Structures are given as C-alpha cells and as structure tokens.
Amino acid sequence: MNEEEKTVLPANVKQIGSITGGSRIYMEDYACTYLQQYAQCEPGREKAAFLVGKCCEIDGEEILFISGVIKGKYTVRRGGMTELTEKSWQYAEKQLKMYFEGLSVVGWAYIQPGFEDYLSDSLMDYQRRYAQKGLNVLFLNDPTEKISSFFKWDEESETFMAVKGYLVYYEKNEGMHEYMLENKLKTVVKEDTASAEPTTDEKLTRTVRSADSNKNKVRAAEQKRLSNLLGSVSFVMLLVCFVMGAGLIRSDERINVLEHELSLLQSDLEGVQSVFASQNGEPSTETSTQATSVETTTMVQTTLESKQEEYVSYTVEEGDTLLKICKNEYGNGDRVEEIMELNDIDDPSRLYVGMELKLPQE
C-alpha cells in the first residue's frame, strides 16, 4: 500500500473464513505464500516469524494490512515453545530497513505441527512479555492438519481473541518479492518415484527422526520388560509362599509321627515329654514366617496396582495427534503438555501408529 492508497481498500481480494464487524485483517498474497512455505519447510519443527505491515483507519473502521513476513532467525527453545530472542528482533529490524521501508512489526506467526489452533500457556506468557513491541496479532498455523487462524491480543484482559476470518489481497509488493528471492525456503515435495535421491538436509532430518523413533521404541520395550519383570517377581513370591506352605504341612506330618512314637516310649523315658514340648513349639515360628511372606507378597501387589492406577495405556492409531487424543479422552486440550511430560515427548508430531502412550487418570 503506497501513500495514495492509504484510505482505499484493495479491490482484488479473497475471503478466508467469515468476516465480522470491528477490525479487519488484510494479508497480501506474497506474504501469505511465503508464510505457507515457511510452515512447510523442515516439517515437524515449531517455528516463529514476524508479521510486517501497518494499521490504519478507513471509514471509522480499524484495518490491519500485513504485507510482509520475516522468518524467525536466532530462536531458542524455552518453556515448551520456540521463542524469538533479542537477536531475532535485531535481525528483523535490519530486514525492515532493507525490504519494508515505512512499515513495522505488527504481529507474529507461530508454526506448531500437530497442535491445530491450540493456544498453550507458553504462547500466552510470551505474548504478555512482548506485547509492547507491537505484537498486536498472532497467526497460528498447523501445517500437519492444514489449519490456520488469526488471534488478536486484548490488552485489558491480557488474552487472545479469535478472529473468525481475514482477507487475502493482491497488489504489487516489490519488498516482499525481493525478500522471498533473497531468502528462499526449501519446501517438502512428495516425489512420484521412490528412487529420488534425498538432499543432505533431508538425510539429516530422516536420521534424527529415525533416532527419535528408535529411542521411543526402546523406551516402550523397556517399559514392557519392566512390567513383565514385576509380574514375574509377583509370581515367584506366590510360588515361594506355596512351597513354604507345603513344607509346613510336611513338617506337621513329621511332628505327628514323632509325637506318636514319643507317646509309646513315654512310660520308659521320663524326660521325653520336655523334649516333645520343645519340638511341638516349632510350628509357631514357621507359621509366623509364612504369615510374613504372605504379607510381603500382598504389599508388593498393592504397590504395583497403585502405580498402574496412576495412568492408563493408549495405542496410537492412524490420524491421531496429541490434541485429538486429549480432546477424545478428556473433552479438551488442556492436558496435552501433561501427556507429553508423562511420556517424555519433546516433539508432539513424532507419533507413530502402534506407539503406546500413558494417559493420566481423570
């Protein structure tokens, strides 16, 4: 938009979603295209970007024009999300001077594969810290589910308000075009033939994914072995108790025989009765040992049952995401991070069919 077009709305537009009253958002086609390419490159990784444009008032209505996107460089992983750092902001300021003169940062975009339009507490906390820098809107994109939404920050309530729709407009956008040429992105394209040679980056990505997948499989196998081991221990304890009980029964039979023989010799041996009395007292000690063993077995089983009640097992099916599983099991997505922590998952997109998940008890 040049100076003469400040008060004129674009004529060539495409509507995305439903447009309601209040402030409207216009995103230029080049910016929209570059943002989609940025979401598709390095699939599975969460990323952030700057939205560049300006806000003006037309016929008493607040209009936000987004005509540029600057990819988020020098980001860090903190608090479960990818954050823009001060160095990221310095990079964005340099790009503004080079390609987007007269414009400013008006918002930011966040790419989170597998989470749909889920607003985590980390996203909200980051927005609160940097709202004063001009982050008025958030564009949330899930390239896995192909879902994207705009959210507008409300300073009074310090929360995001969902924007039901926006408009894509088309006009000459030299700044964004030049930025795209100088900052080309490698998008992932599915090859028709299996013989296509992958690039070095693709090989590295596949290696990392394979390592993570193997790591998850090893963890699942270890958990299964531990469960089998605990089951075996319980069985052995029960078997020991059974053997000890059988031994006690045999001891009782021997004592009965001895008691009978002693009764026959009682008339000739005056001291046999005292010996018999001492022999007759031994079963109490063995009976106490049996009771102790049974009590120990019961405590082990109770401990195992209490640990098993802390979570339930869930097998990942095709098309599952953590958010989808969470919504199906609990009715909302509030426990996604809890499921990730319980299963030691760093990247929510790295689920595979057949993977065993632990879900918290309701």
Protein backbone atom coordinates (compact mmCIF):
# COMPACT_ATOMS: atom_id res chain seq x y z
CA MET A 1 0.00 0.00 0.00
CA ASN A 2 1.50 3.35 -1.01
CA GLU A 3 0.66 6.73 0.48
CA GLU A 4 -2.08 7.49 -2.07
CA GLU A 5 -3.86 4.19 -1.30
CA LYS A 6 -3.99 4.62 2.45
CA THR A 7 -7.72 5.25 2.54
CA VAL A 8 -8.68 2.83 -0.26
CA LEU A 9 -9.44 -0.82 0.36
CA PRO A 10 -7.99 -3.34 -2.13
CA ALA A 11 -10.43 -4.37 -4.84
CA ASN A 12 -8.92 -7.75 -5.69
CA VAL A 13 -9.38 -9.88 -2.56
CA LYS A 14 -10.12 -13.45 -1.48
CA GLN A 15 -12.02 -14.06 1.76
CA ILE A 16 -10.81 -16.71 4.21
CA GLY A 17 -13.39 -17.67 6.85
CA SER A 18 -16.16 -15.32 7.94
CA ILE A 19 -15.70 -11.57 8.30
CA THR A 20 -17.47 -9.89 11.21
CA GLY A 21 -17.70 -6.29 12.37
CA GLY A 22 -14.86 -4.48 14.10
CA SER A 23 -11.24 -4.53 12.99
CA ARG A 24 -10.40 -6.39 9.78
CA ILE A 25 -7.17 -8.06 8.70
CA TYR A 26 -5.81 -7.96 5.13
CA MET A 27 -2.82 -10.15 4.22
CA GLU A 28 -1.00 -9.62 0.90
CA ASP A 29 -0.73 -12.72 -1.31
CA TYR A 30 3.13 -12.78 -1.40
CA ALA A 31 3.25 -12.63 2.40
CA CYS A 32 0.62 -15.36 2.69
CA THR A 33 2.51 -17.59 0.21
CA TYR A 34 5.86 -17.14 1.95
CA LEU A 35 4.28 -17.91 5.34
CA GLN A 36 2.84 -21.16 3.99
CA GLN A 37 6.23 -22.12 2.51
CA TYR A 38 7.90 -21.32 5.83
CA ALA A 39 5.41 -23.61 7.61
CA GLN A 40 6.08 -26.48 5.17
CA CYS A 41 9.90 -26.34 5.32
CA GLU A 42 11.52 -28.52 7.98
CA PRO A 43 8.24 -30.32 8.76
CA GLY A 44 7.70 -31.32 12.34
CA ARG A 45 9.63 -28.38 13.82
CA GLU A 46 7.96 -25.47 15.60
CA LYS A 47 8.96 -22.06 14.20
CA ALA A 48 8.16 -18.38 14.65
CA ALA A 49 8.13 -15.40 12.25
CA PHE A 50 7.45 -11.65 12.26
CA LEU A 51 4.40 -10.12 10.53
CA VAL A 52 5.16 -6.77 8.89
CA GLY A 53 2.65 -4.10 7.90
CA LYS A 54 0.68 -1.18 9.25
CA CYS A 55 -2.63 -0.34 10.88
CA CYS A 56 -4.89 2.45 9.66
CA GLU A 57 -8.49 3.63 9.93
CA ILE A 58 -10.83 3.62 6.94
CA ASP A 59 -14.39 4.93 7.27
CA GLY A 60 -14.18 4.68 11.03
CA GLU A 61 -13.07 1.03 10.97
CA GLU A 62 -9.65 -0.20 12.10
CA ILE A 63 -7.88 -2.06 9.28
CA LEU A 64 -4.67 -4.06 9.65
CA PHE A 65 -2.60 -4.58 6.50
CA ILE A 66 0.04 -7.34 6.62
CA SER A 67 2.27 -7.08 3.55
CA GLY A 68 5.44 -8.84 4.69
CA VAL A 69 6.81 -11.82 6.62
CA ILE A 70 10.29 -12.07 8.15
CA LYS A 71 11.34 -15.55 9.21
CA GLY A 72 12.37 -16.00 12.81
CA LYS A 73 16.12 -16.50 12.97
CA TYR A 74 18.20 -16.99 16.14
CA THR A 75 15.27 -18.51 18.05
CA VAL A 76 15.64 -20.61 21.20
CA ARG A 77 13.63 -23.46 22.64
CA ARG A 78 12.31 -22.49 26.06
CA GLY A 79 9.28 -23.44 28.17
CA GLY A 80 7.98 -25.92 25.60
CA MET A 81 7.95 -23.47 22.67
CA THR A 82 10.26 -21.78 20.15
CA GLU A 83 10.84 -18.16 21.22
CA LEU A 84 12.04 -15.12 19.29
CA THR A 85 15.09 -13.65 21.03
CA GLU A 86 16.54 -10.14 21.16
CA LYS A 87 18.89 -11.21 18.38
CA SER A 88 15.82 -12.24 16.37
CA TRP A 89 14.39 -8.75 16.82
CA GLN A 90 17.69 -7.16 15.73
CA TYR A 91 17.64 -9.29 12.58
CA ALA A 92 14.02 -8.26 11.89
CA GLU A 93 14.87 -4.55 12.25
CA LYS A 94 17.63 -4.89 9.64
CA GLN A 95 15.25 -6.62 7.22
CA LEU A 96 12.65 -3.88 7.76
CA LYS A 97 15.15 -1.23 6.64
CA MET A 98 16.27 -3.27 3.62
CA TYR A 99 12.93 -4.51 2.25
CA PHE A 100 9.98 -2.94 4.11
CA GLU A 101 10.69 0.77 4.44
CA GLY A 102 7.89 2.66 6.20
CA LEU A 103 6.40 -0.49 7.73
CA SER A 104 6.77 -2.04 11.18
CA VAL A 105 6.26 -5.31 13.04
CA VAL A 106 2.50 -5.62 13.72
CA GLY A 107 2.34 -9.23 14.92
CA TRP A 108 3.92 -12.63 14.76
CA ALA A 109 3.27 -16.09 13.38
CA TYR A 110 3.79 -19.40 15.16
CA ILE A 111 4.04 -22.75 13.40
CA GLN A 112 3.10 -25.72 15.61
CA PRO A 113 2.66 -29.05 13.75
CA GLY A 114 0.07 -31.39 15.22
CA PHE A 115 -1.49 -28.89 17.63
CA GLU A 116 -4.17 -27.36 15.35
CA ASP A 117 -5.21 -23.97 16.82
CA TYR A 118 -4.21 -24.82 20.42
CA LEU A 119 -3.07 -21.80 22.48
CA SER A 120 -0.64 -23.02 25.15
CA ASP A 121 0.24 -21.16 28.33
CA SER A 122 3.75 -20.63 26.92
CA LEU A 123 2.34 -18.72 23.93
CA MET A 124 0.25 -16.53 26.22
CA ASP A 125 3.19 -15.79 28.53
CA TYR A 126 5.43 -14.85 25.59
CA GLN A 127 2.75 -12.51 24.20
CA ARG A 128 2.41 -10.75 27.56
CA ARG A 129 6.17 -10.14 27.68
CA TYR A 130 6.46 -8.73 24.17
CA ALA A 131 3.05 -7.12 23.50
CA GLN A 132 4.60 -3.68 23.97
CA LYS A 133 6.84 -4.29 20.95
CA GLY A 134 3.89 -4.18 18.58
CA LEU A 135 2.74 -7.80 18.60
CA ASN A 136 -0.94 -6.99 18.11
CA VAL A 137 -1.95 -10.20 16.34
CA LEU A 138 -0.88 -13.85 16.25
CA PHE A 139 -1.17 -16.06 13.17
CA LEU A 140 -1.27 -19.69 14.34
CA ASN A 141 -0.54 -22.35 11.71
CA ASP A 142 -0.61 -26.15 11.86
CA PRO A 143 0.91 -27.47 8.60
CA THR A 144 0.14 -31.08 9.56
CA GLU A 145 -3.62 -30.55 9.89
CA LYS A 146 -3.60 -27.63 7.38
CA ILE A 147 -5.30 -25.32 9.88
CA SER A 148 -4.52 -21.62 10.37
CA SER A 149 -6.18 -18.91 12.45
CA PHE A 150 -5.67 -15.28 13.44
CA PHE A 151 -5.87 -14.17 17.08
CA LYS A 152 -5.96 -10.56 18.24
CA TRP A 153 -4.41 -9.59 21.58
CA ASP A 154 -6.69 -7.77 24.04
CA GLU A 155 -4.58 -5.69 26.42
CA GLU A 156 -7.29 -5.20 29.05
CA SER A 157 -7.99 -8.91 29.59
CA GLU A 158 -4.45 -9.94 28.56
CA THR A 159 -5.76 -12.77 26.40
CA PHE A 160 -6.17 -13.66 22.73
CA MET A 161 -9.48 -13.12 20.95
CA ALA A 162 -10.15 -15.39 17.97
CA VAL A 163 -10.57 -13.68 14.58
CA LYS A 164 -13.05 -15.70 12.52
CA GLY A 165 -11.72 -14.67 9.12
CA TYR A 166 -9.37 -12.48 7.11
CA LEU A 167 -8.87 -11.25 3.55
CA VAL A 168 -6.04 -12.05 1.14
CA TYR A 169 -5.40 -9.16 -1.25
CA TYR A 170 -3.32 -8.91 -4.42
CA GLU A 171 -1.14 -6.00 -5.41
CA LYS A 172 2.40 -5.17 -6.45
CA ASN A 173 4.61 -6.00 -3.49
CA GLU A 174 8.23 -5.48 -4.51
CA GLY A 175 9.62 -5.53 -0.97
CA MET A 176 8.19 -8.95 -0.15
CA HIS A 177 9.10 -10.25 -3.59
CA GLU A 178 12.73 -9.24 -3.14
CA TYR A 179 12.83 -10.69 0.37
CA MET A 180 11.50 -14.02 -0.95
CA LEU A 181 14.17 -14.12 -3.67
CA GLU A 182 16.94 -13.43 -1.14
CA ASN A 183 15.54 -15.84 1.48
CA LYS A 184 14.39 -18.86 -0.47
CA LEU A 185 12.94 -21.74 1.51
CA LYS A 186 13.21 -25.44 0.84
CA THR A 187 9.69 -26.80 0.86
CA VAL A 188 9.00 -30.51 1.16
CA VAL A 189 7.64 -32.02 -2.06
CA LYS A 190 6.49 -35.64 -2.27
CA GLU A 191 8.36 -37.43 -5.06
CA ASP A 192 6.45 -39.65 -7.50
CA THR A 193 9.28 -42.20 -7.60
CA ALA A 194 10.91 -43.88 -4.65
CA SER A 195 14.33 -43.69 -6.32
CA ALA A 196 14.67 -39.89 -5.93
CA GLU A 197 17.91 -39.09 -4.12
CA PRO A 198 17.25 -37.12 -0.88
CA THR A 199 19.21 -33.97 -0.11
CA THR A 200 21.73 -33.73 2.70
CA ASP A 201 19.23 -31.84 4.88
CA GLU A 202 16.58 -34.48 4.20
CA LYS A 203 19.01 -37.27 5.09
CA LEU A 204 19.88 -35.50 8.34
CA THR A 205 16.20 -34.96 9.15
CA ARG A 206 15.43 -38.62 8.44
CA THR A 207 18.37 -39.72 10.57
CA VAL A 208 17.21 -37.59 13.50
CA ARG A 209 13.63 -38.82 13.14
CA SER A 210 14.79 -42.43 12.90
CA ALA A 211 16.90 -41.99 16.03
CA ASP A 212 13.96 -40.45 17.90
CA SER A 213 11.66 -43.22 16.68
CA ASN A 214 14.13 -45.90 17.78
CA LYS A 215 14.50 -44.13 21.12
CA ASN A 216 10.74 -44.23 21.65
CA LYS A 217 10.62 -47.90 20.67
CA VAL A 218 13.45 -48.71 23.10
CA ARG A 219 11.61 -46.89 25.89
CA ALA A 220 8.42 -48.81 25.11
CA ALA A 221 10.34 -52.09 25.11
CA GLU A 222 11.99 -51.21 28.44
CA GLN A 223 8.63 -50.40 29.97
CA LYS A 224 7.23 -53.70 28.70
CA ARG A 225 10.22 -55.63 30.09
CA LEU A 226 9.81 -53.87 33.44
CA SER A 227 6.13 -54.79 33.54
CA ASN A 228 6.97 -58.43 32.71
CA LEU A 229 9.69 -58.44 35.36
CA LEU A 230 7.31 -57.16 38.02
CA GLY A 231 4.79 -59.80 37.00
CA SER A 232 7.47 -62.49 37.24
CA VAL A 233 8.52 -61.26 40.70
CA SER A 234 4.91 -61.47 41.89
CA PHE A 235 4.60 -65.00 40.52
CA VAL A 236 7.85 -66.08 42.18
CA MET A 237 6.72 -64.63 45.51
CA LEU A 238 3.46 -66.56 45.28
CA LEU A 239 5.35 -69.72 44.35
CA VAL A 240 7.70 -69.27 47.34
CA CYS A 241 4.72 -68.88 49.64
CA PHE A 242 3.17 -72.03 48.20
CA VAL A 243 6.40 -74.01 48.68
CA MET A 244 6.78 -72.75 52.24
CA GLY A 245 3.19 -73.71 52.97
CA ALA A 246 3.75 -77.21 51.58
CA GLY A 247 6.91 -77.50 53.68
CA LEU A 248 4.99 -76.55 56.78
CA ILE A 249 2.37 -79.20 56.05
CA ARG A 250 5.10 -81.85 55.72
CA SER A 251 6.65 -80.63 58.98
CA ASP A 252 3.29 -81.02 60.74
CA GLU A 253 3.05 -84.61 59.46
CA ARG A 254 6.57 -85.44 60.72
CA ILE A 255 5.79 -83.92 64.12
CA ASN A 256 2.65 -86.03 64.36
CA VAL A 257 4.68 -89.22 63.69
CA LEU A 258 7.30 -88.19 66.23
CA GLU A 259 4.60 -87.38 68.74
CA HIS A 260 3.11 -90.84 68.30
CA GLU A 261 6.49 -92.54 68.79
CA LEU A 262 7.21 -90.45 71.88
CA SER A 263 3.86 -91.43 73.36
CA LEU A 264 4.83 -95.10 73.01
CA LEU A 265 8.14 -94.52 74.84
CA GLN A 266 6.69 -92.21 77.47
CA SER A 267 6.46 -94.96 80.06
CA ASP A 268 10.22 -95.73 79.82
CA LEU A 269 11.68 -92.24 79.16
CA GLU A 270 10.76 -89.64 81.78
CA GLY A 271 12.48 -86.71 80.03
CA VAL A 272 10.88 -87.23 76.63
CA GLN A 273 7.87 -85.01 77.47
CA SER A 274 10.00 -81.88 77.82
CA VAL A 275 11.76 -82.59 74.51
CA PHE A 276 8.38 -83.21 72.88
CA ALA A 277 7.11 -79.90 74.21
CA SER A 278 10.05 -78.04 72.67
CA GLN A 279 9.57 -79.83 69.35
CA ASN A 280 5.85 -79.08 69.44
CA GLY A 281 6.57 -75.32 69.71
CA GLU A 282 8.48 -75.01 66.39
CA PRO A 283 5.47 -74.66 64.07
CA SER A 284 4.59 -71.30 65.59
CA THR A 285 7.89 -69.86 64.30
CA GLU A 286 7.37 -71.34 60.83
CA THR A 287 3.73 -70.22 60.78
CA SER A 288 4.91 -66.68 61.61
CA THR A 289 7.38 -66.88 58.69
CA GLN A 290 4.55 -67.92 56.38
CA ALA A 291 2.35 -65.03 57.51
CA THR A 292 5.24 -62.58 56.99
CA SER A 293 5.83 -63.89 53.45
CA VAL A 294 2.14 -63.62 52.57
CA GLU A 295 2.03 -60.07 53.96
CA THR A 296 5.14 -59.11 51.89
CA THR A 297 3.54 -60.51 48.73
CA THR A 298 0.32 -58.58 49.41
CA MET A 299 2.30 -55.31 49.88
CA VAL A 300 4.17 -55.82 46.54
CA GLN A 301 0.91 -56.48 44.69
CA THR A 302 -0.78 -53.45 46.30
CA THR A 303 2.17 -51.20 45.30
CA LEU A 304 2.03 -52.44 41.69
CA GLU A 305 -1.74 -51.93 41.49
CA SER A 306 -1.46 -48.36 42.90
CA LYS A 307 1.23 -47.48 40.32
CA GLN A 308 -0.83 -48.95 37.49
CA GLU A 309 -3.85 -46.86 38.57
CA GLU A 310 -1.89 -43.61 38.04
CA TYR A 311 -2.29 -43.87 34.26
CA VAL A 312 -3.99 -45.81 31.51
CA SER A 313 -2.43 -47.15 28.32
CA TYR A 314 -3.41 -45.88 24.87
CA THR A 315 -2.26 -47.22 21.48
CA VAL A 316 -1.74 -44.55 18.79
CA GLU A 317 -3.88 -45.04 15.69
CA GLU A 318 -3.52 -43.61 12.20
CA GLY A 319 -4.53 -39.94 12.08
CA ASP A 320 -4.04 -39.42 15.82
CA THR A 321 -2.46 -36.25 17.22
CA LEU A 322 -1.83 -35.44 20.88
CA LEU A 323 -4.54 -32.77 20.80
CA LYS A 324 -7.02 -35.13 19.16
CA ILE A 325 -6.30 -37.86 21.73
CA CYS A 326 -6.56 -35.33 24.58
CA LYS A 327 -9.91 -33.99 23.32
CA ASN A 328 -11.30 -37.52 22.87
CA GLU A 329 -10.21 -38.67 26.32
CA TYR A 330 -10.86 -35.53 28.41
CA GLY A 331 -13.10 -33.31 26.28
CA ASN A 332 -10.49 -30.57 25.77
CA GLY A 333 -6.81 -30.00 25.02
CA ASP A 334 -5.75 -28.76 28.47
CA ARG A 335 -3.73 -31.89 29.31
CA VAL A 336 -1.56 -32.10 26.18
CA GLU A 337 1.56 -30.87 27.99
CA GLU A 338 0.87 -33.27 30.88
CA ILE A 339 0.69 -36.20 28.40
CA MET A 340 3.93 -35.03 26.75
CA GLU A 341 5.70 -34.88 30.14
CA LEU A 342 4.35 -38.28 31.25
CA ASN A 343 5.60 -39.91 28.01
CA ASP A 344 8.83 -37.86 27.78
CA ILE A 345 7.81 -36.45 24.36
CA ASP A 346 9.74 -33.40 23.10
CA ASP A 347 8.12 -33.16 19.66
CA PRO A 348 4.34 -33.80 19.53
CA SER A 349 4.44 -34.55 15.79
CA ARG A 350 6.61 -37.61 16.23
CA LEU A 351 3.83 -40.07 16.99
CA TYR A 352 3.71 -43.33 15.08
CA VAL A 353 0.99 -45.90 14.63
CA GLY A 354 1.17 -48.55 17.35
CA MET A 355 3.03 -46.35 19.82
CA GLU A 356 1.99 -46.98 23.43
CA LEU A 357 1.11 -43.80 25.33
CA LYS A 358 0.48 -43.34 29.03
CA LEU A 359 -2.59 -41.15 29.68
CA PRO A 360 -3.23 -39.62 33.14
CA GLN A 361 -6.20 -40.89 35.08
CA GLU A 362 -9.16 -38.46 35.10
